[in-house]
């Protein structure tokens, strides 16, 4: 996108001075008035030439190191300022309209003829979809007469996803079978279970060719694979707003300014649990889907592979706990998509019992019986988050009725560290001769 440059008069006072000096110089000719008029007028002309030189000679660029980062990861950008003019820029204010929480790229630099580079770092504090840019360069002449603004309308989207390496004390549920029973459905991807052979079809990988059949018949056959005995998993994350709880920040904590309120909430714990379970299942080559029914539903059908992990992380990053529909309604809607031989994981802080019937029906859809091991419920303990309720009694009831249940308290799930980096960063100043000089700059 084109860069728009504007040169503005910072104040009308210099023009007023010229006018006031011009009147006595005409009406009362004298060396004093003429000298003052020439001096102020010359200063005004020099300031204008300086401003126009900066308007045509300044260039800037920024580059994001990673477009996908997780909460607790370091967000890093590299900035570069180039002055192609023959006059130095004694001050350049960078004004940034980025909306990434905890990230501040606004600062003041100076650059002579040549260029300067530096890096801006911050620890990602909140998941979601954010924007880097647009931004502006504001500079001017050293006398303060003119303001030069470079409007840089370029902006980049950045996704901050939940962490996927947190330890969650919840095992993955069983899916298609309790043992090594063969599936009636065939997989479209290679699995560890070979069911037989079929005729070669165009675009089948050559590594699937069944060589013994080719040797006996002279025709191309490929191996046919069963679905993984573990089966697919649906992870349902409760996004009903009325069920969520938040814990206030600890004012005595040294990092209280960095430990945001959302990290101590039930919804963030649920998102972290969902991300960790999904990553674990995908590493086992199981199909994983995610459902988050907020006001903007985030529903990802089951799939495998690295691409599926990015789709799930994006959905979890964008999920918001602003749902108005009850948990039972969301479970009923998900039941329209869950097929047989599919396990369901329900993550919720809801301490009521009205949703248990819908959860029992949903888990039965994945297996042949209520006790088939097809479902798992993860209850977030409300008392540990500052609420009320009896999570142990609800856990026992769920186990008796239809599924395995685990109660997780605040502190059972490892949260990412949001401590700010305490050391500086290296920047490189390029001299007019082209030599790059590394300079250590502390963080603000």
Protein backbone atom coordinates (compact mmCIF):
# COMPACT_ATOMS: atom_id res chain seq x y z
CA UNK A 1 0.00 0.00 0.00
CA UNK A 2 1.32 3.51 -0.80
CA UNK A 3 2.86 5.58 1.96
CA UNK A 4 1.18 8.94 2.44
CA UNK A 5 3.45 11.81 3.52
CA UNK A 6 2.21 15.10 4.91
CA UNK A 7 4.09 18.27 5.88
CA UNK A 8 2.22 20.52 8.29
CA UNK A 9 3.00 23.77 10.05
CA UNK A 10 3.14 22.95 13.74
CA UNK A 11 2.17 26.45 14.82
CA UNK A 12 1.00 29.65 13.16
CA UNK A 13 3.34 31.67 15.37
CA UNK A 14 6.31 31.73 12.88
CA UNK A 15 4.03 33.03 10.11
CA UNK A 16 2.70 35.63 12.53
CA UNK A 17 6.26 36.73 13.32
CA UNK A 18 7.00 37.20 9.63
CA UNK A 19 3.86 39.25 9.20
CA UNK A 20 4.61 41.42 12.22
CA UNK A 21 8.17 42.04 10.98
CA UNK A 22 7.08 42.67 7.42
CA UNK A 23 4.72 45.53 8.37
CA UNK A 24 7.32 47.75 10.17
CA UNK A 25 9.93 46.83 7.54
CA UNK A 26 7.66 48.39 4.90
CA UNK A 27 6.25 51.28 6.90
CA UNK A 28 9.39 52.12 8.88
CA UNK A 29 12.40 51.07 6.83
CA UNK A 30 15.31 50.38 9.12
CA UNK A 31 18.30 48.05 9.26
CA UNK A 32 17.02 46.41 12.46
CA UNK A 33 13.66 45.45 10.94
CA UNK A 34 15.28 44.25 7.76
CA UNK A 35 17.81 42.13 9.67
CA UNK A 36 15.11 40.58 11.81
CA UNK A 37 12.94 39.91 8.77
CA UNK A 38 15.79 38.26 6.87
CA UNK A 39 16.83 36.23 9.89
CA UNK A 40 13.38 34.90 10.75
CA UNK A 41 12.47 34.44 7.09
CA UNK A 42 15.69 32.58 6.39
CA UNK A 43 15.16 30.37 9.41
CA UNK A 44 11.65 29.63 8.18
CA UNK A 45 12.95 28.72 4.70
CA UNK A 46 15.69 26.47 6.14
CA UNK A 47 13.13 24.71 8.34
CA UNK A 48 10.86 24.13 5.35
CA UNK A 49 13.70 22.74 3.22
CA UNK A 50 14.73 20.47 6.11
CA UNK A 51 11.15 19.21 6.49
CA UNK A 52 10.78 18.54 2.76
CA UNK A 53 14.08 16.67 2.76
CA UNK A 54 12.85 14.42 5.57
CA UNK A 55 9.53 13.92 3.79
CA UNK A 56 11.28 12.56 0.71
CA UNK A 57 14.19 10.77 2.35
CA UNK A 58 12.80 8.76 5.25
CA UNK A 59 11.93 5.09 4.74
CA UNK A 60 10.77 2.52 7.29
CA UNK A 61 9.94 -1.18 7.44
CA UNK A 62 8.93 -3.72 10.05
CA UNK A 63 9.03 -7.51 9.87
CA UNK A 64 7.33 -10.00 12.15
CA UNK A 65 9.50 -12.98 13.02
CA UNK A 66 6.67 -15.46 13.70
CA UNK A 67 3.06 -15.10 12.57
CA UNK A 68 1.82 -17.83 14.93
CA UNK A 69 2.80 -17.61 18.58
CA UNK A 70 1.33 -18.97 21.77
CA UNK A 71 0.55 -17.40 25.10
CA UNK A 72 3.84 -17.16 26.98
CA UNK A 73 5.90 -17.08 23.76
CA UNK A 74 7.94 -14.10 22.72
CA UNK A 75 6.57 -11.81 20.04
CA UNK A 76 9.40 -10.22 18.11
CA UNK A 77 9.50 -7.64 15.34
CA UNK A 78 12.46 -6.11 13.55
CA UNK A 79 12.26 -2.44 12.61
CA UNK A 80 14.42 -0.52 10.19
CA UNK A 81 14.68 3.22 9.61
CA UNK A 82 16.51 4.55 6.54
CA UNK A 83 17.40 8.18 5.90
CA UNK A 84 18.21 8.68 2.22
CA UNK A 85 18.35 12.46 2.55
CA UNK A 86 21.39 14.63 3.11
CA UNK A 87 20.07 16.14 6.36
CA UNK A 88 19.85 14.17 9.61
CA UNK A 89 16.63 13.37 11.44
CA UNK A 90 17.31 14.32 15.05
CA UNK A 91 14.06 12.81 16.29
CA UNK A 92 11.57 10.37 14.80
CA UNK A 93 8.56 9.36 16.84
CA UNK A 94 7.06 5.97 15.96
CA UNK A 95 3.33 5.87 16.61
CA UNK A 96 1.89 2.36 16.47
CA UNK A 97 -1.79 1.40 16.33
CA UNK A 98 -1.22 -2.30 17.09
CA UNK A 99 -3.75 -3.86 19.46
CA UNK A 100 -1.67 -6.76 20.81
CA UNK A 101 -2.04 -6.74 24.63
CA UNK A 102 1.21 -5.96 26.41
CA UNK A 103 3.08 -5.03 23.22
CA UNK A 104 4.35 -1.48 22.81
CA UNK A 105 6.30 -0.49 19.71
CA UNK A 106 5.98 3.28 20.15
CA UNK A 107 9.30 5.01 20.78
CA UNK A 108 11.53 7.85 19.60
CA UNK A 109 14.64 7.30 17.48
CA UNK A 110 17.16 9.39 15.60
CA UNK A 111 18.96 8.55 12.37
CA UNK A 112 21.65 10.32 10.42
CA UNK A 113 22.44 9.57 6.80
CA UNK A 114 22.18 5.78 6.67
CA UNK A 115 19.97 3.37 8.53
CA UNK A 116 19.33 1.90 11.95
CA UNK A 117 17.72 -1.38 12.95
CA UNK A 118 16.34 -2.63 16.22
CA UNK A 119 14.06 -5.33 17.60
CA UNK A 120 10.96 -4.98 19.74
CA UNK A 121 10.08 -7.89 22.02
CA UNK A 122 7.17 -8.73 24.27
CA UNK A 123 5.71 -11.78 25.95
CA UNK A 124 2.32 -12.77 24.51
CA UNK A 125 -0.19 -12.37 27.31
CA UNK A 126 -3.57 -13.11 25.76
CA UNK A 127 -4.85 -15.49 23.09
CA UNK A 128 -6.84 -14.19 20.16
CA UNK A 129 -6.57 -12.54 16.77
CA UNK A 130 -4.79 -9.21 16.82
CA UNK A 131 -3.30 -6.62 14.50
CA UNK A 132 0.20 -5.19 14.12
CA UNK A 133 -0.08 -1.75 12.58
CA UNK A 134 -0.89 0.53 10.93
CA UNK A 135 1.80 2.91 12.13
CA UNK A 136 3.25 6.36 11.53
CA UNK A 137 6.59 8.15 11.56
CA UNK A 138 6.40 11.66 12.96
CA UNK A 139 9.46 13.89 12.58
CA UNK A 140 10.27 17.50 11.83
CA UNK A 141 12.88 20.20 11.49
CA UNK A 142 15.13 20.94 14.50
CA UNK A 143 13.52 24.37 14.97
CA UNK A 144 10.07 22.91 15.54
CA UNK A 145 8.33 24.83 12.75
CA UNK A 146 7.07 21.88 10.63
CA UNK A 147 5.76 18.39 11.35
CA UNK A 148 6.47 15.62 8.84
CA UNK A 149 4.24 12.54 9.07
CA UNK A 150 4.70 9.30 7.12
CA UNK A 151 1.47 7.30 7.25
CA UNK A 152 2.21 3.58 6.85
CA UNK A 153 -1.16 1.85 6.42
CA UNK A 154 0.26 -1.67 6.26
CA UNK A 155 -0.92 -4.02 9.01
CA UNK A 156 -0.36 -7.72 9.69
CA UNK A 157 -2.69 -10.18 11.36
CA UNK A 158 -1.26 -12.25 14.18
CA UNK A 159 -2.84 -15.24 15.90
CA UNK A 160 -1.86 -15.85 19.52
CA UNK A 161 -2.97 -19.38 20.30
CA UNK A 162 -3.17 -21.15 23.66
CA UNK A 163 -0.14 -23.14 24.79
CA UNK A 164 -0.09 -26.78 23.70
CA UNK A 165 2.64 -28.16 25.95
CA UNK A 166 0.84 -27.89 29.28
CA UNK A 167 0.59 -31.06 31.33
CA UNK A 168 -3.02 -32.11 31.80
CA UNK A 169 -3.73 -35.01 34.22
CA UNK A 170 -6.53 -36.36 32.00
CA UNK A 171 -6.05 -39.45 29.79
CA UNK A 172 -7.50 -39.54 26.32
CA UNK A 173 -10.73 -41.59 26.08
CA UNK A 174 -11.06 -44.76 24.05
CA UNK A 175 -12.81 -44.45 20.75
CA UNK A 176 -13.73 -47.08 18.24
CA UNK A 177 -13.12 -50.28 20.16
CA UNK A 178 -11.92 -51.54 23.51
CA UNK A 179 -9.49 -53.97 21.91
CA UNK A 180 -8.07 -54.73 18.49
CA UNK A 181 -11.37 -55.22 16.71
CA UNK A 182 -11.34 -54.28 13.06
CA UNK A 183 -13.40 -51.35 11.86
CA UNK A 184 -16.11 -51.65 9.24
CA UNK A 185 -15.12 -48.27 7.84
CA UNK A 186 -11.96 -47.80 5.82
CA UNK A 187 -9.49 -44.99 6.38
CA UNK A 188 -8.45 -42.58 3.67
CA UNK A 189 -5.04 -42.25 5.31
CA UNK A 190 -2.43 -44.82 6.21
CA UNK A 191 -2.78 -46.28 9.71
CA UNK A 192 -1.08 -49.08 11.58
CA UNK A 193 -3.96 -51.47 10.79
CA UNK A 194 -3.94 -53.03 7.28
CA UNK A 195 -7.34 -54.56 6.42
CA UNK A 196 -6.64 -56.07 2.99
CA UNK A 197 -5.99 -55.05 -0.59
CA UNK A 198 -7.95 -53.33 -3.35
CA UNK A 199 -7.30 -52.36 -6.95
CA UNK A 200 -4.97 -49.46 -7.58
CA UNK A 201 -6.67 -46.12 -8.12
CA UNK A 202 -5.12 -43.01 -9.67
CA UNK A 203 -3.21 -40.87 -7.18
CA UNK A 204 -2.74 -43.76 -4.72
CA UNK A 205 0.78 -43.55 -3.22
CA UNK A 206 3.21 -46.08 -4.64
CA UNK A 207 4.28 -47.05 -1.12
CA UNK A 208 0.81 -48.57 -0.60
CA UNK A 209 1.32 -51.14 -3.40
CA UNK A 210 0.79 -54.70 -2.18
CA UNK A 211 3.70 -56.48 -3.88
CA UNK A 212 2.68 -60.11 -3.12
CA UNK A 213 -0.66 -59.60 -4.89
CA UNK A 214 1.12 -57.95 -7.82
CA UNK A 215 3.46 -60.95 -8.07
CA UNK A 216 0.56 -63.46 -8.10
CA UNK A 217 -1.91 -61.63 -10.36
CA UNK A 218 0.21 -59.24 -12.36
CA UNK A 219 -2.20 -56.42 -11.50
CA UNK A 220 -1.65 -53.45 -9.29
CA UNK A 221 -3.24 -53.70 -5.84
CA UNK A 222 -2.74 -51.40 -2.87
CA UNK A 223 -3.15 -52.05 0.81
CA UNK A 224 -6.41 -50.96 2.44
CA UNK A 225 -6.29 -49.61 5.97
CA UNK A 226 -8.68 -49.82 8.88
CA UNK A 227 -9.56 -46.81 10.92
CA UNK A 228 -7.35 -46.52 13.96
CA UNK A 229 -8.80 -48.58 16.78
CA UNK A 230 -8.52 -45.58 19.05
CA UNK A 231 -11.03 -43.63 16.94
CA UNK A 232 -11.81 -39.96 16.59
CA UNK A 233 -12.32 -37.47 19.41
CA UNK A 234 -14.65 -34.50 19.72
CA UNK A 235 -13.58 -31.93 22.32
CA UNK A 236 -16.43 -29.75 23.54
CA UNK A 237 -15.45 -26.58 25.43
CA UNK A 238 -18.25 -24.93 27.39
CA UNK A 239 -18.47 -21.26 26.35
CA UNK A 240 -21.64 -20.36 28.27
CA UNK A 241 -20.97 -16.97 29.84
CA UNK A 242 -23.06 -17.55 32.97
CA UNK A 243 -21.00 -20.61 33.96
CA UNK A 244 -17.57 -18.97 33.94
CA UNK A 245 -15.63 -17.79 36.99
CA UNK A 246 -12.68 -15.45 37.33
CA UNK A 247 -10.11 -15.02 40.07
CA UNK A 248 -8.81 -11.56 40.93
CA UNK A 249 -5.14 -10.82 40.54
CA UNK A 250 -2.98 -11.06 43.62
CA UNK A 251 -1.86 -7.48 44.44
CA UNK A 252 1.08 -8.85 46.43
CA UNK A 253 2.47 -10.67 43.41
CA UNK A 254 5.58 -9.11 41.93
CA UNK A 255 4.29 -9.97 38.47
CA UNK A 256 0.72 -8.92 39.22
CA UNK A 257 0.80 -6.42 36.38
CA UNK A 258 1.68 -9.18 33.96
CA UNK A 259 -0.53 -11.96 35.30
CA UNK A 260 -3.72 -11.00 33.56
CA UNK A 261 -7.10 -11.77 34.99
CA UNK A 262 -8.06 -14.07 32.12
CA UNK A 263 -5.34 -16.58 32.98
CA UNK A 264 -7.04 -17.18 36.34
CA UNK A 265 -10.45 -17.79 34.77
CA UNK A 266 -12.22 -21.06 34.11
CA UNK A 267 -12.52 -20.36 30.40
CA UNK A 268 -8.74 -20.01 29.95
CA UNK A 269 -8.15 -23.21 31.90
CA UNK A 270 -10.68 -24.96 29.67
CA UNK A 271 -9.00 -23.65 26.50
CA UNK A 272 -5.55 -24.75 27.70
CA UNK A 273 -6.89 -28.22 28.55
CA UNK A 274 -8.54 -28.53 25.15
CA UNK A 275 -5.38 -27.46 23.32
CA UNK A 276 -3.21 -29.91 25.26
CA UNK A 277 -5.58 -32.85 24.73
CA UNK A 278 -5.94 -32.07 21.03
CA UNK A 279 -2.18 -31.90 20.55
CA UNK A 280 -1.72 -35.19 22.41
CA UNK A 281 -4.38 -36.94 20.29
CA UNK A 282 -2.94 -35.62 17.03
CA UNK A 283 0.49 -36.90 17.99
CA UNK A 284 -1.15 -40.34 18.29
CA UNK A 285 -2.58 -39.97 14.76
CA UNK A 286 -6.14 -39.72 16.02
CA UNK A 287 -8.75 -37.56 14.38
CA UNK A 288 -9.67 -34.60 16.59
CA UNK A 289 -12.47 -32.06 16.32
CA UNK A 290 -13.31 -29.07 18.52
CA UNK A 291 -16.61 -27.35 19.29
CA UNK A 292 -16.93 -24.01 21.11
CA UNK A 293 -20.43 -22.55 21.07
CA UNK A 294 -20.09 -18.88 21.89
CA UNK A 295 -21.95 -16.13 20.08
CA UNK A 296 -19.58 -16.87 17.19
CA UNK A 297 -19.36 -20.69 17.14
CA UNK A 298 -15.97 -22.25 16.48
CA UNK A 299 -16.54 -25.78 15.18
CA UNK A 300 -13.75 -27.81 13.55
CA UNK A 301 -14.73 -31.33 12.31
CA UNK A 302 -12.36 -34.19 13.21
CA UNK A 303 -9.19 -34.44 11.18
CA UNK A 304 -5.56 -35.46 11.41
CA UNK A 305 -2.19 -33.93 10.72
CA UNK A 306 -0.33 -30.70 11.31
CA UNK A 307 -2.85 -28.69 9.34
CA UNK A 308 -5.62 -29.85 11.66
CA UNK A 309 -3.61 -28.73 14.67
CA UNK A 310 -3.34 -25.19 13.27
CA UNK A 311 -7.06 -25.13 12.52
CA UNK A 312 -7.87 -26.22 16.07
CA UNK A 313 -5.47 -23.70 17.60
CA UNK A 314 -7.01 -20.92 15.54
CA UNK A 315 -10.52 -21.92 16.66
CA UNK A 316 -9.44 -22.04 20.30
CA UNK A 317 -7.67 -18.69 19.97
CA UNK A 318 -10.83 -17.04 18.64
CA UNK A 319 -13.28 -18.72 21.02
CA UNK A 320 -14.99 -16.33 23.44
CA UNK A 321 -16.99 -17.21 26.55
CA UNK A 322 -19.96 -15.09 25.53
CA UNK A 323 -22.47 -17.83 24.80
CA UNK A 324 -26.06 -17.35 25.94
CA UNK A 325 -27.40 -20.82 25.12
CA UNK A 326 -27.36 -23.39 27.96
CA UNK A 327 -24.76 -26.14 27.99
CA UNK A 328 -27.43 -28.75 27.26
CA UNK A 329 -28.36 -26.95 24.03
CA UNK A 330 -24.77 -26.92 22.85
CA UNK A 331 -24.36 -30.62 23.60
CA UNK A 332 -27.56 -31.37 21.67
CA UNK A 333 -26.28 -29.39 18.66
CA UNK A 334 -22.96 -31.23 18.74
CA UNK A 335 -24.86 -34.53 18.85
CA UNK A 336 -26.08 -33.85 15.30
CA UNK A 337 -22.47 -34.13 14.08
CA UNK A 338 -21.03 -36.87 16.28
CA UNK A 339 -21.07 -40.26 14.58
CA UNK A 340 -20.52 -43.75 15.90
CA UNK A 341 -17.17 -44.91 17.14
CA UNK A 342 -16.27 -41.39 18.31
CA UNK A 343 -15.20 -40.35 21.77
CA UNK A 344 -16.37 -37.09 23.31
CA UNK A 345 -14.53 -34.95 25.86
CA UNK A 346 -16.66 -32.32 27.64
CA UNK A 347 -14.81 -29.54 29.45
CA UNK A 348 -17.01 -27.36 31.64
CA UNK A 349 -17.14 -25.47 34.95
CA UNK A 350 -20.93 -25.94 35.13
CA UNK A 351 -21.82 -27.34 38.55
CA UNK A 352 -25.53 -27.94 37.84
CA UNK A 353 -27.13 -31.23 36.78
CA UNK A 354 -29.52 -30.04 34.03
CA UNK A 355 -27.01 -30.82 31.29
CA UNK A 356 -26.24 -34.40 32.35
CA UNK A 357 -29.04 -35.94 30.25
CA UNK A 358 -27.78 -34.23 27.07
CA UNK A 359 -24.20 -35.27 27.89
CA UNK A 360 -25.25 -38.87 28.44
CA UNK A 361 -27.07 -38.93 25.09
CA UNK A 362 -24.06 -37.41 23.36
CA UNK A 363 -21.62 -39.97 24.74
CA UNK A 364 -23.97 -42.82 23.80
CA UNK A 365 -23.83 -41.72 20.20
CA UNK A 366 -20.15 -42.59 20.11
CA UNK A 367 -20.55 -46.15 21.40
CA UNK A 368 -22.95 -48.96 21.99
CA UNK A 369 -23.50 -48.44 25.68
CA UNK A 370 -23.36 -45.81 28.34
CA UNK A 371 -20.37 -47.52 29.95
CA UNK A 372 -18.46 -48.13 26.74
CA UNK A 373 -15.71 -45.72 27.65
CA UNK A 374 -16.65 -43.36 24.84
CA UNK A 375 -16.91 -40.17 26.84
CA UNK A 376 -14.94 -38.14 29.35
CA UNK A 377 -16.04 -35.13 31.37
CA UNK A 378 -13.51 -32.66 32.75
CA UNK A 379 -15.02 -30.61 35.57
CA UNK A 380 -13.32 -27.40 36.62
CA UNK A 381 -13.67 -27.19 40.38
CA UNK A 382 -15.74 -24.09 41.09
CA UNK A 383 -14.68 -23.57 44.74
CA UNK A 384 -11.02 -23.36 43.71
CA UNK A 385 -11.93 -20.53 41.31
CA UNK A 386 -13.84 -18.60 43.94
CA UNK A 387 -17.29 -20.10 43.31
CA UNK A 388 -19.55 -22.50 45.16
CA UNK A 389 -20.58 -26.08 44.54
CA UNK A 390 -19.67 -29.69 45.19
CA UNK A 391 -17.57 -30.96 42.30
CA UNK A 392 -16.80 -34.31 43.99
CA UNK A 393 -20.48 -35.21 44.30
CA UNK A 394 -21.12 -34.24 40.68
CA UNK A 395 -18.12 -36.28 39.58
CA UNK A 396 -19.43 -39.38 41.36
CA UNK A 397 -22.85 -38.91 39.79
CA UNK A 398 -21.39 -38.62 36.27
CA UNK A 399 -19.29 -41.74 36.77
CA UNK A 400 -22.32 -43.70 37.92
CA UNK A 401 -24.50 -42.53 35.03
CA UNK A 402 -22.58 -42.46 31.79
CA UNK A 403 -18.88 -41.48 31.61
CA UNK A 404 -15.50 -41.11 33.26
CA UNK A 405 -15.07 -37.79 35.03
CA UNK A 406 -12.07 -35.83 36.30
CA UNK A 407 -12.08 -32.80 38.57
CA UNK A 408 -9.34 -30.24 37.96
CA UNK A 409 -8.70 -27.46 40.45
CA UNK A 410 -7.04 -24.14 39.93
CA UNK A 411 -3.33 -24.89 39.85
CA UNK A 412 -3.63 -28.43 38.46
CA UNK A 413 -2.91 -27.14 34.94
CA UNK A 414 0.40 -25.44 34.25
CA UNK A 415 -0.13 -21.88 33.05
CA UNK A 416 2.36 -20.11 30.78
CA UNK A 417 4.76 -17.67 32.39
CA UNK A 418 4.05 -14.07 31.48
CA UNK A 419 7.17 -12.54 32.96
CA UNK A 420 8.70 -9.75 30.93
CA UNK A 421 12.23 -10.28 29.58
CA UNK A 422 14.69 -8.68 31.96
CA UNK A 423 17.62 -8.32 29.59
CA UNK A 424 18.14 -6.02 26.66
CA UNK A 425 18.30 -6.63 22.95
CA UNK A 426 20.86 -6.03 20.25
CA UNK A 427 20.25 -3.45 17.58
CA UNK A 428 22.41 -2.67 14.57
CA UNK A 429 23.27 0.87 13.51
CA UNK A 430 24.48 1.16 9.93
CA UNK A 431 26.98 3.90 9.23
CA UNK A 432 27.05 5.81 5.92
CA UNK A 433 29.97 3.63 4.86
CA UNK A 434 27.79 0.54 5.17
CA UNK A 435 29.32 -0.89 8.34
CA UNK A 436 26.84 -2.39 10.85
CA UNK A 437 27.68 -1.64 14.49
CA UNK A 438 25.88 -3.78 17.14
CA UNK A 439 24.63 -1.79 20.11
CA UNK A 440 23.07 -3.23 23.27
CA UNK A 441 19.80 -1.46 24.20
CA UNK A 442 17.88 -2.24 27.42
CA UNK A 443 14.16 -2.86 27.44
CA UNK A 444 11.90 -0.07 28.64
